[in-house]
N, C-alpha and C. Protein backbone atom coordinates (compact mmCIF):
# COMPACT_ATOMS: atom_id res chain seq x y z
N MET A 1 89.11 89.73 46.25
CA MET A 1 88.89 88.14 46.18
C MET A 1 87.95 88.56 47.79
N THR A 2 86.12 87.84 47.43
CA THR A 2 86.14 87.77 48.57
C THR A 2 85.72 86.51 49.54
N ASN A 3 85.23 85.87 50.62
CA ASN A 3 84.86 85.23 51.38
C ASN A 3 84.07 85.31 51.43
N ARG A 4 82.47 86.15 50.96
CA ARG A 4 81.37 86.25 52.11
C ARG A 4 81.07 85.59 52.11
N LYS A 5 79.74 85.31 51.76
CA LYS A 5 78.57 84.43 52.39
C LYS A 5 77.35 84.86 51.28
N ILE A 6 76.48 84.22 50.41
CA ILE A 6 75.90 85.09 49.47
C ILE A 6 74.64 84.51 51.26
N VAL A 7 73.81 84.94 51.03
CA VAL A 7 72.48 85.91 52.93
C VAL A 7 70.96 85.38 51.41
N VAL A 8 70.82 84.39 52.01
CA VAL A 8 69.12 83.75 51.16
C VAL A 8 67.96 84.56 52.39
N GLY A 9 67.34 85.76 52.04
CA GLY A 9 66.21 85.55 52.77
C GLY A 9 64.29 84.66 52.85
N VAL A 10 64.46 84.09 53.41
CA VAL A 10 62.90 83.57 53.40
C VAL A 10 62.10 83.74 53.98
N MET A 11 61.01 84.60 53.61
CA MET A 11 60.01 85.31 53.77
C MET A 11 58.76 84.54 53.81
N GLY A 12 58.27 84.82 55.15
CA GLY A 12 56.35 84.28 54.81
C GLY A 12 55.98 83.83 55.84
N ALA A 13 54.77 83.85 56.29
CA ALA A 13 53.81 83.87 57.03
C ALA A 13 54.63 82.92 58.30
N GLY A 14 54.02 83.41 59.32
CA GLY A 14 54.01 82.87 60.74
C GLY A 14 52.55 81.81 61.01
N HIS A 15 51.75 82.67 62.06
CA HIS A 15 50.88 82.03 62.76
C HIS A 15 50.06 82.04 61.09
N GLY A 16 48.91 80.97 60.82
CA GLY A 16 48.48 80.43 59.97
C GLY A 16 48.92 80.64 58.53
N ALA A 17 50.06 79.84 57.95
CA ALA A 17 50.97 79.95 57.02
C ALA A 17 50.26 78.19 56.50
N ARG A 18 50.45 78.45 55.33
CA ARG A 18 49.40 76.84 55.54
C ARG A 18 50.10 75.81 55.03
N PRO A 19 49.83 74.76 55.47
CA PRO A 19 50.38 73.22 54.94
C PRO A 19 51.81 73.14 54.04
N SER A 20 50.75 74.08 53.06
CA SER A 20 52.06 73.23 51.59
C SER A 20 53.01 74.19 52.14
N ASP A 21 52.81 74.90 52.15
CA ASP A 21 53.64 76.49 52.28
C ASP A 21 54.88 76.54 53.54
N VAL A 22 54.56 75.64 53.87
CA VAL A 22 55.24 75.08 55.54
C VAL A 22 56.02 73.77 54.29
N ALA A 23 55.70 73.37 54.41
CA ALA A 23 56.19 72.67 53.75
C ALA A 23 57.59 72.84 52.82
N LEU A 24 57.18 73.95 51.88
CA LEU A 24 58.06 74.18 51.17
C LEU A 24 59.32 74.95 52.10
N ALA A 25 58.73 76.02 53.13
CA ALA A 25 59.79 76.74 53.30
C ALA A 25 61.32 75.48 54.02
N GLU A 26 60.74 74.24 54.27
CA GLU A 26 61.08 73.32 55.19
C GLU A 26 61.91 72.76 54.18
N ARG A 27 61.63 72.48 52.64
CA ARG A 27 62.50 72.09 51.98
C ARG A 27 64.31 73.22 51.27
N LEU A 28 63.24 73.75 51.22
CA LEU A 28 63.85 75.49 50.48
C LEU A 28 64.86 76.01 51.09
N GLY A 29 64.55 75.85 52.98
CA GLY A 29 65.51 76.15 54.02
C GLY A 29 66.99 74.88 53.66
N GLU A 30 67.04 73.69 53.79
CA GLU A 30 67.51 72.86 53.51
C GLU A 30 68.11 72.85 52.44
N LEU A 31 68.33 72.81 51.05
CA LEU A 31 68.33 73.43 49.92
C LEU A 31 69.43 74.66 49.95
N VAL A 32 68.81 75.34 50.35
CA VAL A 32 70.07 76.60 50.50
C VAL A 32 70.87 76.39 52.06
N ALA A 33 70.91 75.35 52.70
CA ALA A 33 71.53 75.41 53.64
C ALA A 33 72.78 74.61 52.95
N ARG A 34 72.52 73.06 52.04
CA ARG A 34 73.46 72.32 51.49
C ARG A 34 74.13 73.68 49.80
N GLU A 35 73.38 74.27 50.07
CA GLU A 35 74.43 75.00 48.85
C GLU A 35 75.36 75.74 49.78
N GLY A 36 75.11 76.03 50.61
CA GLY A 36 76.31 77.16 51.48
C GLY A 36 75.66 77.98 52.12
N PHE A 37 74.94 78.39 51.51
CA PHE A 37 74.52 79.50 51.63
C PHE A 37 73.72 80.01 53.10
N VAL A 38 73.62 81.48 53.59
CA VAL A 38 73.27 81.32 54.80
C VAL A 38 72.02 81.87 54.58
N LEU A 39 70.96 81.98 55.59
CA LEU A 39 69.90 81.74 55.56
C LEU A 39 68.94 82.53 56.98
N LEU A 40 68.57 83.46 55.92
CA LEU A 40 67.84 83.98 57.24
C LEU A 40 66.48 84.22 56.98
N THR A 41 65.73 84.62 58.17
CA THR A 41 64.42 84.58 58.02
C THR A 41 64.20 85.97 59.45
N GLY A 42 63.24 85.57 59.70
CA GLY A 42 61.98 86.63 60.72
C GLY A 42 62.67 86.80 62.12
N GLY A 43 63.28 85.30 62.19
CA GLY A 43 63.04 84.84 63.62
C GLY A 43 62.47 84.61 64.51
N ARG A 44 60.63 84.50 64.12
CA ARG A 44 60.35 83.44 65.06
C ARG A 44 60.31 82.33 64.69
N GLY A 45 59.64 81.60 66.23
CA GLY A 45 59.62 79.86 66.00
C GLY A 45 58.12 79.79 64.97
N VAL A 46 57.69 80.41 64.98
CA VAL A 46 56.30 80.00 63.90
C VAL A 46 56.16 80.14 62.49
N GLY A 47 55.22 79.07 61.35
CA GLY A 47 55.22 79.16 60.65
C GLY A 47 56.94 79.45 59.18
N ILE A 48 56.69 80.05 58.45
CA ILE A 48 57.42 79.65 57.32
C ILE A 48 59.06 79.74 57.83
N MET A 49 58.64 80.94 58.79
CA MET A 49 60.68 81.20 59.98
C MET A 49 61.16 79.91 60.49
N ALA A 50 60.34 79.06 60.24
CA ALA A 50 60.41 78.24 61.58
C ALA A 50 60.79 77.27 60.68
N ALA A 51 60.19 76.98 59.79
CA ALA A 51 60.42 75.38 58.51
C ALA A 51 61.31 75.47 58.11
N ALA A 52 62.12 77.04 57.74
CA ALA A 52 63.59 77.49 57.29
C ALA A 52 64.09 77.03 57.43
N ASN A 53 64.21 77.18 58.87
CA ASN A 53 65.27 77.18 60.33
C ASN A 53 65.71 75.70 60.33
N ARG A 54 64.56 74.95 60.55
CA ARG A 54 64.22 73.63 60.63
C ARG A 54 64.62 72.46 59.50
N GLY A 55 64.52 72.90 58.26
CA GLY A 55 65.58 72.26 57.23
C GLY A 55 66.40 72.03 57.16
N ALA A 56 66.74 73.96 57.19
CA ALA A 56 68.42 74.04 56.80
C ALA A 56 69.35 73.26 58.07
N LYS A 57 68.92 73.06 59.14
CA LYS A 57 69.22 72.69 60.65
C LYS A 57 69.50 71.23 59.91
N ARG A 58 69.00 70.63 58.90
CA ARG A 58 69.33 68.94 58.55
C ARG A 58 70.34 69.11 57.65
N VAL A 59 71.12 70.24 57.74
CA VAL A 59 72.82 69.87 57.26
C VAL A 59 73.76 70.91 58.38
N PRO A 60 74.83 69.39 58.67
CA PRO A 60 75.46 70.22 59.56
C PRO A 60 76.09 71.61 59.50
N SER A 61 75.90 71.72 58.85
CA SER A 61 77.39 73.16 57.78
C SER A 61 76.70 74.25 57.88
N SER A 62 75.28 74.50 57.81
CA SER A 62 74.41 75.62 58.41
C SER A 62 74.41 76.43 58.86
N ILE A 63 74.32 77.45 58.62
CA ILE A 63 74.52 78.73 59.32
C ILE A 63 72.90 79.77 59.01
N THR A 64 72.04 79.51 60.18
CA THR A 64 71.20 80.70 60.05
C THR A 64 71.13 81.73 60.95
N LEU A 65 70.43 82.58 60.12
CA LEU A 65 70.17 83.83 61.33
C LEU A 65 68.66 84.96 61.42
N GLY A 66 68.10 84.82 62.89
CA GLY A 66 67.11 85.27 62.40
C GLY A 66 66.63 86.85 63.61
N VAL A 67 66.02 87.83 62.69
CA VAL A 67 66.18 89.48 62.78
C VAL A 67 64.45 89.26 63.74
N SER A 68 65.04 88.96 64.45
CA SER A 68 63.71 89.17 65.43
C SER A 68 63.08 90.51 65.40
N PRO A 69 61.77 90.14 66.06
CA PRO A 69 60.89 91.82 66.04
C PRO A 69 61.41 92.09 67.38
N SER A 70 62.13 91.31 68.99
CA SER A 70 61.31 91.72 69.39
C SER A 70 63.23 92.65 70.20
N ARG A 71 63.11 93.11 71.24
CA ARG A 71 64.38 93.48 72.12
C ARG A 71 65.27 93.18 73.15
N ARG A 72 64.50 91.71 73.19
CA ARG A 72 64.97 91.12 74.18
C ARG A 72 66.08 89.67 74.21
N ALA A 73 66.35 89.13 74.21
CA ALA A 73 67.16 87.51 73.82
C ALA A 73 65.81 86.75 74.88
N PRO A 74 65.48 85.76 74.39
CA PRO A 74 64.48 84.48 75.12
C PRO A 74 64.41 84.37 76.72
N ALA A 75 65.96 84.31 76.92
CA ALA A 75 65.93 83.92 78.24
C ALA A 75 65.30 85.57 79.09
N GLU A 76 65.76 86.46 78.55
CA GLU A 76 64.60 87.76 79.25
C GLU A 76 63.53 88.05 79.72
N ALA A 77 63.15 87.55 78.29
CA ALA A 77 62.07 88.04 77.59
C ALA A 77 60.79 87.49 78.35
N GLU A 78 61.55 85.72 78.53
CA GLU A 78 60.37 84.86 79.64
C GLU A 78 59.58 84.16 77.83
N GLU A 79 60.34 84.12 76.54
CA GLU A 79 60.30 83.46 75.72
C GLU A 79 61.42 82.11 75.49
N GLU A 80 60.32 80.85 74.61
CA GLU A 80 61.71 80.06 74.85
C GLU A 80 62.57 80.16 73.51
N PRO A 81 64.60 79.40 73.56
CA PRO A 81 65.37 79.93 72.77
C PRO A 81 64.43 79.50 71.74
N LEU A 82 65.11 80.06 70.63
CA LEU A 82 64.53 79.25 68.84
C LEU A 82 66.05 77.92 69.14
N PRO A 83 66.02 76.66 68.86
CA PRO A 83 67.51 76.33 68.28
C PRO A 83 66.99 75.80 67.57
N ASP A 84 67.32 76.14 66.03
CA ASP A 84 67.34 76.14 64.63
C ASP A 84 68.29 77.67 64.53
N ILE A 85 68.51 78.33 65.28
CA ILE A 85 69.10 79.85 64.21
C ILE A 85 70.06 79.46 65.46
N ASP A 86 71.34 80.44 64.26
CA ASP A 86 72.51 80.21 65.27
C ASP A 86 72.90 81.49 65.82
N ILE A 87 72.44 82.21 64.75
CA ILE A 87 72.88 84.00 65.21
C ILE A 87 71.50 84.23 65.40
N GLU A 88 70.98 85.33 66.45
CA GLU A 88 69.61 86.15 66.60
C GLU A 88 70.24 87.92 66.86
N ILE A 89 69.37 88.48 65.80
CA ILE A 89 69.58 90.37 65.76
C ILE A 89 68.30 90.30 66.38
N PHE A 90 68.39 90.74 68.39
CA PHE A 90 67.52 91.56 68.85
C PHE A 90 66.85 93.33 68.31
N THR A 91 65.87 93.43 67.32
CA THR A 91 66.29 94.83 67.06
C THR A 91 65.46 95.62 67.86
N GLY A 92 64.05 95.58 68.38
CA GLY A 92 63.34 95.70 68.81
C GLY A 92 61.99 96.95 68.55
N MET A 93 62.10 96.81 66.93
CA MET A 93 61.39 97.26 65.62
C MET A 93 60.59 96.59 65.35
N GLY A 94 59.90 95.47 65.58
CA GLY A 94 58.07 95.02 65.85
C GLY A 94 57.92 94.01 64.44
N ASP A 95 57.78 94.94 62.96
CA ASP A 95 57.70 94.35 61.95
C ASP A 95 58.46 95.48 61.08
N GLY A 96 58.82 96.85 62.05
CA GLY A 96 60.22 97.75 61.38
C GLY A 96 61.76 96.71 60.99
N ARG A 97 61.25 95.69 61.90
CA ARG A 97 62.61 94.87 61.38
C ARG A 97 62.57 94.62 59.60
N ASN A 98 61.36 94.49 58.88
CA ASN A 98 60.98 93.73 57.72
C ASN A 98 62.24 94.69 56.76
N VAL A 99 62.88 96.27 57.01
CA VAL A 99 63.85 96.84 55.85
C VAL A 99 65.07 96.23 56.81
N ILE A 100 65.61 95.85 57.72
CA ILE A 100 66.94 94.90 57.92
C ILE A 100 66.60 93.39 57.26
N ASN A 101 65.84 92.89 57.41
CA ASN A 101 65.80 90.82 56.81
C ASN A 101 65.64 91.35 55.14
N VAL A 102 65.51 92.09 54.19
CA VAL A 102 65.55 93.22 53.09
C VAL A 102 66.98 92.97 52.16
N LEU A 103 67.40 94.07 53.26
CA LEU A 103 68.61 94.87 53.08
C LEU A 103 69.71 94.05 53.89
N SER A 104 69.71 92.81 53.92
CA SER A 104 70.56 92.21 54.98
C SER A 104 70.28 91.12 54.36
N SER A 105 69.11 90.64 52.41
CA SER A 105 69.81 89.60 52.44
C SER A 105 70.25 89.91 50.87
N ASP A 106 71.03 88.83 50.31
CA ASP A 106 71.35 89.19 49.05
C ASP A 106 69.91 88.91 47.55
N VAL A 107 69.43 87.73 48.03
CA VAL A 107 68.24 87.62 47.54
C VAL A 107 66.92 87.46 48.30
N VAL A 108 65.47 87.98 47.78
CA VAL A 108 64.75 87.51 48.61
C VAL A 108 63.74 86.32 48.17
N ILE A 109 63.17 86.02 49.22
CA ILE A 109 62.30 85.20 48.81
C ILE A 109 61.00 84.82 49.29
N ALA A 110 59.60 85.39 48.39
CA ALA A 110 58.89 85.10 49.72
C ALA A 110 57.90 84.10 49.21
N CYS A 111 57.76 82.85 50.42
CA CYS A 111 57.30 81.55 50.02
C CYS A 111 56.31 81.93 50.46
N GLY A 112 54.87 82.04 49.11
CA GLY A 112 53.64 81.32 49.38
C GLY A 112 53.30 82.10 50.04
N ALA A 113 51.53 82.40 50.30
CA ALA A 113 50.19 83.45 50.80
C ALA A 113 51.26 84.28 50.73
N GLY A 114 51.11 83.93 52.31
CA GLY A 114 51.78 85.26 52.92
C GLY A 114 50.62 86.19 54.43
N GLY A 115 51.61 87.31 53.84
CA GLY A 115 50.67 87.94 54.39
C GLY A 115 50.08 89.72 54.44
N ALA A 116 50.07 90.59 55.14
CA ALA A 116 50.88 91.75 55.05
C ALA A 116 52.25 92.44 55.12
N GLY A 117 52.89 91.36 56.56
CA GLY A 117 54.13 91.58 56.54
C GLY A 117 54.62 91.16 55.75
N THR A 118 55.13 89.56 55.13
CA THR A 118 54.92 89.10 53.47
C THR A 118 55.32 90.26 52.69
N ALA A 119 53.75 90.49 51.81
CA ALA A 119 54.05 91.64 51.42
C ALA A 119 54.61 92.73 50.91
N SER A 120 54.74 93.36 52.17
CA SER A 120 55.83 94.54 52.91
C SER A 120 57.83 94.29 52.31
N GLU A 121 58.07 93.50 52.51
CA GLU A 121 59.22 92.80 52.86
C GLU A 121 59.02 92.51 50.95
N ALA A 122 58.85 91.47 50.60
CA ALA A 122 58.23 91.56 49.20
C ALA A 122 58.47 93.13 48.25
N ALA A 123 58.14 94.30 48.73
CA ALA A 123 57.62 95.37 48.13
C ALA A 123 58.97 95.92 47.80
N LEU A 124 59.62 95.96 49.34
CA LEU A 124 60.73 96.56 49.67
C LEU A 124 62.03 95.84 48.91
N ALA A 125 62.08 94.80 49.08
CA ALA A 125 62.84 93.87 47.98
C ALA A 125 63.11 95.25 46.74
N LEU A 126 61.60 95.24 45.51
CA LEU A 126 61.40 95.66 44.88
C LEU A 126 61.64 96.95 45.09
N LYS A 127 61.72 98.34 45.81
CA LYS A 127 61.60 99.09 46.19
C LYS A 127 63.48 98.88 46.34
N SER A 128 64.40 97.85 46.83
CA SER A 128 65.65 98.44 47.80
C SER A 128 66.33 97.97 46.22
N ASN A 129 66.12 97.19 44.18
CA ASN A 129 66.32 96.28 43.68
C ASN A 129 67.34 95.45 44.67
N ARG A 130 66.42 94.60 45.49
CA ARG A 130 67.10 93.32 45.20
C ARG A 130 65.86 92.93 45.27
N PRO A 131 66.64 90.88 44.12
CA PRO A 131 66.64 90.45 43.23
C PRO A 131 64.71 89.58 44.80
N LEU A 132 63.50 89.45 43.99
CA LEU A 132 63.02 89.28 44.13
C LEU A 132 62.52 87.76 43.82
N VAL A 133 62.28 86.37 44.73
CA VAL A 133 61.57 85.65 44.08
C VAL A 133 59.94 85.23 44.74
N LEU A 134 59.76 84.66 43.79
CA LEU A 134 57.66 84.33 44.58
C LEU A 134 58.27 82.98 44.61
N LEU A 135 57.81 82.29 45.84
CA LEU A 135 57.76 81.24 45.85
C LEU A 135 55.95 80.16 45.99
N SER A 136 55.85 80.07 44.54
CA SER A 136 54.35 79.48 44.77
C SER A 136 53.74 80.65 45.63
N PRO A 137 53.52 81.54 44.90
CA PRO A 137 52.24 82.90 45.01
C PRO A 137 50.99 82.07 44.14
N THR A 138 50.06 82.59 45.25
CA THR A 138 48.69 83.15 44.55
C THR A 138 48.54 83.83 43.03
N PRO A 139 47.54 83.53 42.52
CA PRO A 139 47.70 84.37 41.33
C PRO A 139 47.55 86.21 41.05
N GLU A 140 46.53 86.27 42.68
CA GLU A 140 46.47 87.73 42.84
C GLU A 140 48.33 88.14 43.37
N ALA A 141 49.10 88.06 43.72
CA ALA A 141 50.31 88.12 44.77
C ALA A 141 51.34 88.17 43.61
N ARG A 142 51.02 87.08 42.67
CA ARG A 142 52.29 86.92 41.22
C ARG A 142 51.44 88.70 40.57
N ALA A 143 50.66 88.57 40.32
CA ALA A 143 50.21 90.03 39.14
C ALA A 143 50.74 90.76 39.50
N PHE A 144 50.09 90.89 40.63
CA PHE A 144 50.22 92.44 41.97
C PHE A 144 51.88 92.31 41.61
N PHE A 145 52.65 91.71 42.29
CA PHE A 145 54.59 92.29 42.59
C PHE A 145 54.22 92.03 41.46
N GLU A 146 53.87 91.51 39.91
CA GLU A 146 55.18 91.51 38.99
C GLU A 146 54.85 92.68 38.40
N SER A 147 53.28 93.55 38.70
CA SER A 147 53.11 94.86 38.52
C SER A 147 53.70 96.18 38.74
N LEU A 148 55.04 95.95 39.74
CA LEU A 148 55.49 96.48 40.10
C LEU A 148 56.87 96.08 40.27
N GLY A 149 57.54 95.58 39.19
CA GLY A 149 58.71 95.47 39.33
C GLY A 149 59.28 93.90 38.31
N LYS A 150 60.86 93.31 37.88
CA LYS A 150 61.22 92.99 37.98
C LYS A 150 60.40 91.75 38.70
N VAL A 151 60.25 89.87 38.82
CA VAL A 151 60.68 89.28 40.04
C VAL A 151 60.04 88.38 38.75
N TYR A 152 61.39 87.48 40.01
CA TYR A 152 61.21 85.98 39.30
C TYR A 152 60.85 84.82 39.90
N VAL A 153 59.57 84.41 39.07
CA VAL A 153 58.51 82.99 39.84
C VAL A 153 58.98 81.73 40.16
N ALA A 154 58.87 80.91 40.76
CA ALA A 154 59.10 79.53 41.01
C ALA A 154 58.34 78.27 41.68
N GLU A 155 57.47 77.77 41.45
CA GLU A 155 56.60 75.92 41.84
C GLU A 155 56.82 75.61 43.16
N SER A 156 58.69 75.48 42.80
CA SER A 156 59.16 74.08 43.54
C SER A 156 60.18 74.38 44.83
N ALA A 157 60.45 74.24 45.69
CA ALA A 157 61.80 74.65 46.39
C ALA A 157 62.78 74.13 45.45
N ASP A 158 63.04 73.63 44.83
CA ASP A 158 64.19 73.41 43.89
C ASP A 158 64.70 74.41 42.48
N ASP A 159 63.12 75.05 42.22
CA ASP A 159 62.89 75.72 41.08
C ASP A 159 63.63 76.63 41.59
N ALA A 160 63.30 76.89 42.90
CA ALA A 160 63.55 78.87 43.15
C ALA A 160 65.34 78.61 43.93
N LEU A 161 66.06 77.21 44.57
CA LEU A 161 67.76 77.89 44.13
C LEU A 161 68.22 77.70 43.40
N GLU A 162 67.49 77.21 42.00
CA GLU A 162 67.97 77.33 40.95
C GLU A 162 68.20 78.78 40.37
N LEU A 163 66.46 79.01 40.72
CA LEU A 163 67.31 80.97 40.59
C LEU A 163 67.63 81.69 41.06
N VAL A 164 68.17 81.25 43.12
CA VAL A 164 68.93 82.44 43.27
C VAL A 164 70.62 81.16 42.95
N ARG A 165 70.44 80.63 42.33
CA ARG A 165 72.19 80.33 41.90
C ARG A 165 71.85 80.90 40.99
N LYS A 166 70.79 81.21 39.64
CA LYS A 166 71.61 81.73 38.85
C LYS A 166 71.48 83.27 38.62
N ILE A 167 70.90 83.94 40.38
CA ILE A 167 70.91 85.39 39.86
C ILE A 167 72.01 85.75 40.78
N THR A 168 72.86 85.19 41.82
CA THR A 168 74.18 85.34 41.80
C THR A 168 75.02 84.81 41.24
N GLY A 169 74.88 83.86 40.33
CA GLY A 169 76.44 83.92 39.65
C GLY A 169 76.65 82.81 40.45
N GLU A 170 76.59 82.19 41.15
CA GLU A 170 77.49 80.66 42.40
C GLU A 170 76.62 79.56 41.82
């Protein structure tokens, strides 16, 4: 028997995230935390990442994990610390950190339209046999990722969390 917590990776656009996707991510982060899962994001203070972490922090017992593209802590890099991330991992890998994001997650949720980074994380999830949930994808993204492998599709944060429960057996 293990007490290991389920890690849910929430991926999505940083700058340029659609407001509707930001709202979905914030709700999803809160639901993930209420379920007692660990929330993993790309560790930046913008867009989907910031919204998911902000939502999770509405739950006092939440655990948020940010996998940062930079190699230095904010205090060393003259950046603002991110108050909604409990544990930051500084990779120094830029977008290469996407591999860490995916392989550290038990389930990957690609939230909204995203961009090239989100697409790479979704493709890496499929390639590494990580369950992939597309939350409110564009029709084009849905068709593309369904052509690559098994994906789950949700239109709401609540539906996405229900899929995570089914996938993990929690």
